[in-house]
N, C-alpha and C. Protein backbone atom coordinates (compact mmCIF):
# COMPACT_ATOMS: atom_id res chain seq x y z
N UNK A 1 -109.07 152.66 -102.86
CA UNK A 1 -109.55 151.90 -101.41
C UNK A 1 -108.50 152.69 -100.57
N UNK A 2 -108.90 153.03 -99.28
CA UNK A 2 -108.55 153.78 -98.45
C UNK A 2 -108.32 152.68 -97.24
N UNK A 3 -107.00 152.80 -96.99
CA UNK A 3 -107.23 152.04 -95.52
C UNK A 3 -106.25 152.58 -94.67
N UNK A 4 -106.58 152.56 -93.44
CA UNK A 4 -106.13 153.29 -92.20
C UNK A 4 -105.02 152.55 -91.64
N UNK A 5 -103.90 152.99 -91.42
CA UNK A 5 -102.59 152.46 -90.75
C UNK A 5 -102.39 153.18 -89.56
N UNK A 6 -102.38 152.49 -88.19
CA UNK A 6 -101.85 153.31 -87.13
C UNK A 6 -100.56 152.33 -86.45
N UNK A 7 -99.54 153.07 -86.20
CA UNK A 7 -98.19 152.62 -86.17
C UNK A 7 -97.57 153.78 -84.98
N UNK A 8 -96.58 152.94 -83.86
CA UNK A 8 -95.92 153.92 -83.52
C UNK A 8 -94.59 153.51 -83.48
N UNK A 9 -93.77 154.53 -83.56
CA UNK A 9 -92.15 154.35 -83.99
C UNK A 9 -91.11 154.77 -82.87
N UNK A 10 -90.00 154.26 -82.55
CA UNK A 10 -89.34 154.38 -81.35
C UNK A 10 -88.24 155.31 -81.95
N UNK A 11 -87.70 156.02 -81.83
CA UNK A 11 -86.45 156.88 -82.44
C UNK A 11 -85.69 157.73 -81.19
N UNK A 12 -84.93 157.91 -81.36
CA UNK A 12 -83.54 158.87 -80.57
C UNK A 12 -84.07 160.20 -81.07
N UNK A 13 -85.04 160.70 -80.16
CA UNK A 13 -85.34 162.23 -80.39
C UNK A 13 -84.31 163.22 -80.48
N UNK A 14 -83.14 162.83 -79.70
CA UNK A 14 -81.90 164.04 -80.03
C UNK A 14 -81.40 163.94 -81.28
N UNK A 15 -81.63 162.91 -81.86
CA UNK A 15 -80.97 162.14 -83.09
C UNK A 15 -82.02 162.81 -84.40
N UNK A 16 -83.25 162.82 -84.19
CA UNK A 16 -83.74 163.46 -85.25
C UNK A 16 -83.97 165.32 -85.00
N UNK A 17 -84.03 165.20 -83.82
CA UNK A 17 -83.95 166.60 -83.76
C UNK A 17 -82.82 167.68 -84.63
N UNK A 18 -81.53 166.65 -84.17
CA UNK A 18 -80.53 167.11 -84.57
C UNK A 18 -80.90 167.18 -86.05
N UNK A 19 -81.35 166.04 -86.97
CA UNK A 19 -81.26 166.23 -88.14
C UNK A 19 -82.17 167.15 -88.78
N UNK A 20 -83.41 167.37 -87.98
CA UNK A 20 -84.43 168.69 -88.54
C UNK A 20 -83.81 169.87 -88.44
N UNK A 21 -82.65 169.94 -87.48
CA UNK A 21 -82.26 171.19 -87.34
C UNK A 21 -81.09 171.81 -88.55
N UNK A 22 -80.45 170.75 -88.78
CA UNK A 22 -79.25 170.46 -89.70
C UNK A 22 -79.71 170.55 -91.28
N UNK A 23 -80.84 169.51 -91.50
CA UNK A 23 -81.16 169.44 -92.75
C UNK A 23 -82.64 169.56 -93.12
N UNK A 24 -83.26 170.24 -92.44
CA UNK A 24 -84.78 170.12 -93.03
C UNK A 24 -85.07 171.79 -92.28
N UNK A 25 -85.69 172.60 -92.96
CA UNK A 25 -85.90 174.05 -92.73
C UNK A 25 -87.50 174.02 -92.06
N UNK A 26 -87.76 173.38 -90.89
CA UNK A 26 -89.03 173.66 -90.67
C UNK A 26 -89.47 173.73 -89.52
N UNK A 27 -90.76 174.18 -89.33
CA UNK A 27 -90.96 174.63 -88.10
C UNK A 27 -92.02 173.69 -87.31
N UNK A 28 -92.30 172.74 -87.82
CA UNK A 28 -92.89 171.55 -87.23
C UNK A 28 -92.25 170.90 -85.78
N UNK A 29 -93.22 170.24 -84.94
CA UNK A 29 -92.85 170.01 -83.70
C UNK A 29 -92.45 168.61 -84.06
N UNK A 30 -91.35 168.13 -83.57
CA UNK A 30 -90.71 166.27 -83.71
C UNK A 30 -92.13 165.52 -84.43
N UNK A 31 -92.90 165.41 -83.48
CA UNK A 31 -94.44 164.49 -83.66
C UNK A 31 -94.79 164.71 -85.07
N UNK A 32 -94.77 165.78 -85.69
CA UNK A 32 -95.08 166.52 -87.03
C UNK A 32 -94.33 166.02 -87.92
N UNK A 33 -92.89 166.04 -87.90
CA UNK A 33 -92.03 165.73 -88.73
C UNK A 33 -92.48 164.24 -89.19
N UNK A 34 -92.30 163.65 -87.77
CA UNK A 34 -91.85 161.96 -88.05
C UNK A 34 -93.29 161.68 -88.59
N UNK A 35 -94.56 162.09 -88.22
CA UNK A 35 -95.52 161.96 -89.02
C UNK A 35 -95.91 161.66 -90.50
N UNK A 36 -95.24 163.05 -90.94
CA UNK A 36 -95.27 163.43 -92.12
C UNK A 36 -94.08 162.84 -93.26
N UNK A 37 -92.86 162.86 -92.25
CA UNK A 37 -91.54 161.84 -92.93
C UNK A 37 -92.11 160.42 -92.87
N UNK A 38 -92.79 159.97 -92.34
CA UNK A 38 -92.53 158.18 -92.38
C UNK A 38 -94.07 158.10 -93.24
N UNK A 39 -94.87 158.70 -93.36
CA UNK A 39 -96.10 158.67 -94.20
C UNK A 39 -95.70 158.67 -95.72
N UNK A 40 -95.26 160.10 -95.83
CA UNK A 40 -94.58 160.14 -97.08
C UNK A 40 -93.68 159.09 -97.70
N UNK A 41 -92.97 158.77 -96.59
CA UNK A 41 -91.57 158.27 -97.25
C UNK A 41 -91.90 156.57 -97.64
N UNK A 42 -93.10 155.97 -96.57
CA UNK A 42 -93.58 154.69 -96.64
C UNK A 42 -94.84 154.89 -98.20
N UNK A 43 -95.30 155.97 -98.78
CA UNK A 43 -95.85 155.93 -99.87
C UNK A 43 -95.00 155.37 -100.91
N UNK A 44 -94.13 156.32 -101.17
CA UNK A 44 -92.99 156.37 -102.29
C UNK A 44 -92.45 154.88 -102.08
N UNK A 45 -92.21 154.35 -101.08
CA UNK A 45 -91.52 153.00 -100.91
C UNK A 45 -92.41 151.69 -101.75
N UNK A 46 -93.57 151.88 -101.15
CA UNK A 46 -94.62 151.08 -102.07
C UNK A 46 -95.13 151.25 -103.37
N UNK A 47 -95.27 152.74 -103.78
CA UNK A 47 -94.97 152.81 -105.39
C UNK A 47 -93.87 152.44 -105.94
N UNK A 48 -92.71 152.65 -105.52
CA UNK A 48 -91.63 152.35 -106.19
C UNK A 48 -91.75 150.42 -106.22
N UNK A 49 -92.15 149.94 -105.03
CA UNK A 49 -91.97 148.36 -104.99
C UNK A 49 -93.12 147.96 -106.13
N UNK A 50 -94.22 148.24 -106.13
CA UNK A 50 -95.32 147.94 -107.45
C UNK A 50 -94.36 148.15 -108.71
N UNK A 51 -94.16 149.13 -108.81
CA UNK A 51 -93.33 149.45 -110.28
C UNK A 51 -92.28 148.27 -110.53
N UNK A 52 -91.34 148.43 -109.56
CA UNK A 52 -90.36 147.18 -109.99
C UNK A 52 -90.65 146.42 -109.76
N UNK A 53 -91.85 145.40 -109.29
CA UNK A 53 -91.88 144.29 -108.97
C UNK A 53 -93.16 143.65 -110.30
N UNK A 54 -93.96 144.84 -110.62
CA UNK A 54 -95.06 144.17 -111.42
C UNK A 54 -95.15 145.00 -112.73
N UNK A 55 -94.42 146.09 -112.95
CA UNK A 55 -93.56 146.91 -113.95
C UNK A 55 -95.39 147.94 -114.35
N UNK A 56 -95.95 148.15 -113.15
CA UNK A 56 -97.21 148.99 -113.12
C UNK A 56 -96.72 150.15 -112.34
N UNK A 57 -97.28 151.35 -112.74
CA UNK A 57 -97.25 152.49 -112.15
C UNK A 57 -98.47 152.79 -111.22
N UNK A 58 -98.36 153.38 -109.78
CA UNK A 58 -99.05 152.99 -109.03
C UNK A 58 -98.98 154.65 -108.13
N UNK A 59 -99.75 155.68 -107.83
CA UNK A 59 -99.85 156.47 -106.90
C UNK A 59 -100.36 156.28 -105.58
N UNK A 60 -99.68 155.84 -104.67
CA UNK A 60 -100.23 156.16 -103.38
C UNK A 60 -100.61 157.37 -102.69
N UNK A 61 -101.30 158.00 -102.33
CA UNK A 61 -101.79 159.24 -101.54
C UNK A 61 -102.16 159.05 -100.33
N UNK A 62 -101.30 160.12 -99.35
CA UNK A 62 -101.87 160.27 -97.89
C UNK A 62 -103.05 160.82 -98.06
N UNK A 63 -104.03 160.64 -97.33
CA UNK A 63 -105.29 161.26 -97.37
C UNK A 63 -105.35 161.80 -96.21
N UNK A 64 -104.97 161.24 -95.36
CA UNK A 64 -104.95 161.93 -93.55
C UNK A 64 -103.94 161.52 -92.95
N UNK A 65 -103.29 162.42 -92.29
CA UNK A 65 -102.52 162.41 -91.16
C UNK A 65 -103.06 162.94 -89.82
N UNK A 66 -102.98 161.88 -88.79
CA UNK A 66 -103.34 162.38 -87.50
C UNK A 66 -102.52 162.41 -86.44
N UNK A 67 -102.84 163.48 -85.65
CA UNK A 67 -101.39 164.19 -85.04
C UNK A 67 -101.59 163.92 -83.21
N UNK A 68 -103.00 163.31 -82.78
CA UNK A 68 -103.25 163.45 -81.74
C UNK A 68 -102.77 162.40 -80.99
């Protein structure tokens, strides 16, 4: 089942840019980095929660990331 999730995050841009510079070798824009990081991180958390709660393996795949 595919579900579209649309949300906005409020971050301190300078802190995130420093994180990107110091700990991630990337040429992504700030927006690209946040979309990728938030979507992949959420998928991992959901799968971990399913496994720890009901002892079932689950794989969430991000099938589309929209940057507009």
